[in-house]
C-alpha atoms as a PDB file:
ATOM      1  CA  MET A   1      17.160 -13.418  16.227  1.00  0.00           C
ATOM      2  CA  SER A   2      20.048 -11.025  15.940  1.00  0.00           C
ATOM      3  CA  ASN A   3      19.716  -7.409  17.001  1.00  0.00           C
ATOM      4  CA  ALA A   4      20.655  -6.255  13.493  1.00  0.00           C
ATOM      5  CA  LEU A   5      17.886  -8.349  11.958  1.00  0.00           C
ATOM      6  CA  GLN A   6      15.396  -7.104  14.549  1.00  0.00           C
ATOM      7  CA  MET A   7      16.379  -3.519  13.721  1.00  0.00           C
ATOM      8  CA  LEU A   8      15.919  -4.217   9.993  1.00  0.00           C
ATOM      9  CA  ILE A   9      12.477  -5.699  10.627  1.00  0.00           C
ATOM     10  CA  GLU A  10      11.446  -2.676  12.693  1.00  0.00           C
ATOM     11  CA  LEU A  11      12.810  -0.298  10.062  1.00  0.00           C
ATOM     12  CA  THR A  12      10.997  -2.063   7.225  1.00  0.00           C
ATOM     13  CA  GLN A  13       7.797  -2.096   9.307  1.00  0.00           C
ATOM     14  CA  THR A  14       8.105   1.669   9.778  1.00  0.00           C
ATOM     15  CA  ARG A  15       8.767   2.175   6.080  1.00  0.00           C
ATOM     16  CA  MET A  16       5.830  -0.071   5.163  1.00  0.00           C
ATOM     17  CA  ASP A  17       3.562   1.901   7.520  1.00  0.00           C
ATOM     18  CA  ASP A  18       4.794   5.175   5.992  1.00  0.00           C
ATOM     19  CA  ALA A  19       4.161   3.845   2.476  1.00  0.00           C
ATOM     20  CA  ALA A  20       0.666   2.714   3.497  1.00  0.00           C
ATOM     21  CA  ARG A  21      -0.111   6.125   4.986  1.00  0.00           C
ATOM     22  CA  ARG A  22       1.208   7.857   1.856  1.00  0.00           C
ATOM     23  CA  LEU A  23      -0.860   5.544  -0.344  1.00  0.00           C
ATOM     24  CA  GLY A  24      -3.950   6.449   1.693  1.00  0.00           C
ATOM     25  CA  GLU A  25      -3.223  10.142   1.165  1.00  0.00           C
ATOM     26  CA  LEU A  26      -2.752   9.588  -2.580  1.00  0.00           C
ATOM     27  CA  LEU A  27      -6.007   7.643  -2.811  1.00  0.00           C
ATOM     28  CA  ALA A  28      -7.859  10.406  -0.963  1.00  0.00           C
ATOM     29  CA  SER A  29      -6.340  13.011  -3.273  1.00  0.00           C
ATOM     30  CA  SER A  30      -7.309  11.109  -6.416  1.00  0.00           C
ATOM     31  CA  SER A  31     -10.842  10.660  -5.068  1.00  0.00           C
ATOM     32  CA  ALA A  32     -11.097  14.397  -4.446  1.00  0.00           C
ATOM     33  CA  HIS A  33      -9.886  15.151  -7.989  1.00  0.00           C
ATOM     34  CA  GLU A  34     -12.359  12.634  -9.383  1.00  0.00           C
ATOM     35  CA  GLU A  35     -15.215  14.213  -7.421  1.00  0.00           C
ATOM     36  CA  ARG A  36     -14.253  17.721  -8.614  1.00  0.00           C
ATOM     37  CA  LEU A  37     -14.165  16.473 -12.202  1.00  0.00           C
ATOM     38  CA  ARG A  38     -17.581  14.858 -11.824  1.00  0.00           C
ATOM     39  CA  LEU A  39     -19.002  18.098 -10.378  1.00  0.00           C
ATOM     40  CA  LEU A  40     -17.519  20.207 -13.188  1.00  0.00           C
ATOM     41  CA  GLU A  41     -18.901  17.842 -15.821  1.00  0.00           C
ATOM     42  CA  GLN A  42     -22.332  17.900 -14.191  1.00  0.00           C
ATOM     43  CA  TYR A  43     -22.258  21.691 -13.967  1.00  0.00           C
ATOM     44  CA  ARG A  44     -21.300  21.887 -17.643  1.00  0.00           C
ATOM     45  CA  LEU A  45     -24.234  19.654 -18.596  1.00  0.00           C
ATOM     46  CA  ASP A  46     -26.622  21.776 -16.547  1.00  0.00           C
ATOM     47  CA  TYR A  47     -25.238  25.032 -17.953  1.00  0.00           C
ATOM     48  CA  ASN A  48     -25.416  23.651 -21.496  1.00  0.00           C
ATOM     49  CA  LYS A  49     -29.113  22.776 -20.925  1.00  0.00           C
ATOM     50  CA  ARG A  50     -29.780  26.360 -19.823  1.00  0.00           C
ATOM     51  CA  PHE A  51     -27.911  27.584 -22.899  1.00  0.00           C
ATOM     52  CA  ARG A  52     -30.036  25.378 -25.200  1.00  0.00           C
ATOM     53  CA  ALA A  53     -33.196  26.546 -23.479  1.00  0.00           C
ATOM     54  CA  ALA A  54     -32.129  30.173 -23.898  1.00  0.00           C
ATOM     55  CA  LEU A  55     -31.423  29.557 -27.594  1.00  0.00           C
ATOM     56  CA  THR A  56     -34.912  28.183 -28.203  1.00  0.00           C
ATOM     57  CA  SER A  57     -36.575  31.100 -26.421  1.00  0.00           C
ATOM     58  CA  GLY A  58     -34.381  33.687 -28.113  1.00  0.00           C
ATOM     59  CA  ILE A  59     -31.130  35.179 -26.903  1.00  0.00           C
ATOM     60  CA  GLY A  60     -29.231  38.379 -27.627  1.00  0.00           C
ATOM     61  CA  PRO A  61     -25.695  38.482 -29.026  1.00  0.00           C
ATOM     62  CA  ASP A  62     -24.136  39.527 -25.691  1.00  0.00           C
ATOM     63  CA  ALA A  63     -25.837  36.669 -23.818  1.00  0.00           C
ATOM     64  CA  LEU A  64     -24.815  34.251 -26.594  1.00  0.00           C
ATOM     65  CA  ARG A  65     -21.197  35.366 -26.275  1.00  0.00           C
ATOM     66  CA  ASN A  66     -21.345  35.080 -22.467  1.00  0.00           C
ATOM     67  CA  TYR A  67     -22.737  31.539 -22.654  1.00  0.00           C
ATOM     68  CA  THR A  68     -20.157  30.379 -25.185  1.00  0.00           C
ATOM     69  CA  VAL A  69     -17.240  32.008 -23.342  1.00  0.00           C
ATOM     70  CA  PHE A  70     -18.342  30.467 -20.056  1.00  0.00           C
ATOM     71  CA  LEU A  71     -18.826  27.037 -21.657  1.00  0.00           C
ATOM     72  CA  GLY A  72     -15.312  27.354 -23.070  1.00  0.00           C
ATOM     73  CA  ARG A  73     -13.981  28.164 -19.602  1.00  0.00           C
ATOM     74  CA  LEU A  74     -15.828  25.185 -18.180  1.00  0.00           C
ATOM     75  CA  ASP A  75     -14.308  22.970 -20.873  1.00  0.00           C
ATOM     76  CA  ASP A  76     -10.845  24.316 -19.978  1.00  0.00           C
ATOM     77  CA  ALA A  77     -11.481  23.672 -16.280  1.00  0.00           C
ATOM     78  CA  ILE A  78     -12.690  20.146 -17.064  1.00  0.00           C
ATOM     79  CA  GLY A  79      -9.586  19.495 -19.150  1.00  0.00           C
ATOM     80  CA  GLU A  80      -7.307  20.780 -16.385  1.00  0.00           C
ATOM     81  CA  GLN A  81      -9.149  18.751 -13.763  1.00  0.00           C
ATOM     82  CA  GLN A  82      -8.813  15.649 -15.959  1.00  0.00           C
ATOM     83  CA  ARG A  83      -5.050  16.238 -16.191  1.00  0.00           C
ATOM     84  CA  LEU A  84      -4.875  16.609 -12.406  1.00  0.00           C
ATOM     85  CA  LEU A  85      -6.849  13.399 -11.962  1.00  0.00           C
ATOM     86  CA  ASP A  86      -4.603  11.540 -14.420  1.00  0.00           C
ATOM     87  CA  ALA A  87      -1.518  12.725 -12.523  1.00  0.00           C
ATOM     88  CA  ALA A  88      -3.086  11.749  -9.196  1.00  0.00           C
ATOM     89  CA  LEU A  89      -3.884   8.273 -10.536  1.00  0.00           C
ATOM     90  CA  GLU A  90      -0.281   7.879 -11.710  1.00  0.00           C
ATOM     91  CA  HIS A  91       0.888   8.850  -8.216  1.00  0.00           C
ATOM     92  CA  VAL A  92      -1.451   6.206  -6.776  1.00  0.00           C
ATOM     93  CA  VAL A  93       0.143   3.555  -9.007  1.00  0.00           C
ATOM     94  CA  VAL A  94       3.629   4.614  -7.871  1.00  0.00           C
ATOM     95  CA  GLY A  95       2.519   4.781  -4.228  1.00  0.00           C
ATOM     96  CA  ARG A  96       0.898   1.357  -4.400  1.00  0.00           C
ATOM     97  CA  GLN A  97       4.088  -0.116  -5.876  1.00  0.00           C
ATOM     98  CA  ALA A  98       6.165   1.523  -3.135  1.00  0.00           C
ATOM     99  CA  TRP A  99       3.899  -0.046  -0.513  1.00  0.00           C
ATOM    100  CA  VAL A 100       4.089  -3.479  -2.204  1.00  0.00           C
ATOM    101  CA  ASP A 101       7.886  -3.200  -2.359  1.00  0.00           C
ATOM    102  CA  GLN A 102       8.089  -2.365   1.350  1.00  0.00           C
ATOM    103  CA  ARG A 103       5.649  -5.160   2.220  1.00  0.00           C
ATOM    104  CA  ASN A 104       7.718  -7.665   0.228  1.00  0.00           C
ATOM    105  CA  ARG A 105      10.928  -6.485   1.899  1.00  0.00           C
ATOM    106  CA  LYS A 106       9.269  -6.880   5.325  1.00  0.00           C
ATOM    107  CA  LYS A 107       8.075 -10.386   4.410  1.00  0.00           C
ATOM    108  CA  ALA A 108      11.603 -11.331   3.336  1.00  0.00           C
ATOM    109  CA  PHE A 109      13.077 -10.194   6.656  1.00  0.00           C
ATOM    110  CA  ASP A 110      10.276 -11.939   8.565  1.00  0.00           C
ATOM    111  CA  THR A 111      11.026 -15.147   6.660  1.00  0.00           C
ATOM    112  CA  LEU A 112      14.722 -14.810   7.466  1.00  0.00           C
ATOM    113  CA  ALA A 113      13.899 -14.286  11.153  1.00  0.00           C
ATOM    114  CA  ASP A 114      11.614 -17.336  11.125  1.00  0.00           C
ATOM    115  CA  ARG A 115      14.368 -19.444   9.577  1.00  0.00           C
ATOM    116  CA  GLN A 116      16.852 -18.264  12.172  1.00  0.00           C
ATOM    117  CA  HIS A 117      14.370 -19.057  14.918  1.00  0.00           C
ATOM    118  CA  GLN A 118      13.682 -22.537  13.515  1.00  0.00           C
ATOM    119  CA  ALA A 119      17.419 -23.227  13.224  1.00  0.00           C
ATOM    120  CA  LEU A 120      17.901 -22.169  16.848  1.00  0.00           C
ATOM    121  CA  ILE A 121      15.056 -24.430  17.991  1.00  0.00           C
ATOM    122  CA  LYS A 122      16.503 -27.322  15.991  1.00  0.00           C
ATOM    123  CA  LYS A 123      19.931 -26.752  17.546  1.00  0.00           C
ATOM    124  CA  GLU A 124      18.439 -26.606  21.041  1.00  0.00           C
ATOM    125  CA  ASN A 125      16.417 -29.781  20.407  1.00  0.00           C
ATOM    126  CA  LYS A 126      19.543 -31.602  19.225  1.00  0.00           C
ATOM    127  CA  ALA A 127      21.472 -30.485  22.300  1.00  0.00           C
ATOM    128  CA  GLU A 128      18.611 -31.583  24.539  1.00  0.00           C
ATOM    129  CA  GLN A 129      18.384 -34.940  22.758  1.00  0.00           C
ATOM    130  CA  ARG A 130      22.149 -35.430  23.121  1.00  0.00           C
ATOM    131  CA  LEU A 131      21.927 -34.720  26.862  1.00  0.00           C
ATOM    132  CA  THR A 132      18.996 -37.125  27.187  1.00  0.00           C
ATOM    133  CA  ASP A 133      20.866 -39.818  25.256  1.00  0.00           C
ATOM    134  CA  GLU A 134      23.992 -39.310  27.380  1.00  0.00           C
ATOM    135  CA  HIS A 135      21.936 -39.477  30.562  1.00  0.00           C
ATOM    136  CA  SER A 136      20.169 -42.648  29.405  1.00  0.00           C
ATOM    137  CA  ALA A 137      23.480 -44.250  28.423  1.00  0.00           C
ATOM    138  CA  LYS A 138      24.978 -43.355  31.806  1.00  0.00           C
ATOM    139  CA  LEU A 139      21.986 -44.824  33.619  1.00  0.00           C
ATOM    140  CA  PHE A 140      22.264 -47.979  31.535  1.00  0.00           C
ATOM    141  CA  ARG A 141      26.019 -48.254  32.173  1.00  0.00           C
ATOM    142  CA  ASP A 142      25.654 -47.635  35.877  1.00  0.00           C
ATOM    143  CA  LYS A 143      22.829 -50.158  36.262  1.00  0.00           C
ATOM    144  CA  PRO A 144      23.905 -53.279  38.161  1.00  0.00           C
ATOM    145  CA  GLY A 145      24.145 -56.403  36.053  1.00  0.00           C
ATOM    146  CA  THR A 146      25.062 -54.696  32.826  1.00  0.00           C
ATOM    147  CA  ASP A 147      28.757 -55.461  32.868  1.00  0.00           C
ATOM    148  CA  GLU A 148      30.280 -55.353  29.487  1.00  0.00           C
ATOM    149  CA  SER A 149      33.403 -57.282  30.491  1.00  0.00           C
END
């Protein structure tokens, strides 16, 4: 295998490893966003239950306003967290494609190296066979009683 091809294989391996590491980071980030969203949604459900319970037992106008304002803020936070999660998931798709691209490039160079190696082995085998044939022919020619005249 040529030095240039070996360098390309090493470079693509490094790039593939970098893409895999980046994909792992993106997956971790999207999981964290998903967990935050789940927690916000659960907190909103719990807070809404408390609000409903307060409504049935009677609530003053200030408390009513506080509940509704806070529920609105929770809804805003949930919406923002959903946007962050959507963006993180898009980054995961891009990161996964980058990793696949690097993996495919590495496979292509590996295949090229394998072909070069097989061609070299074939060439060496032919040379060895030629030497064996020449040696056998020489032994046959030099053997007494095999005059061709």
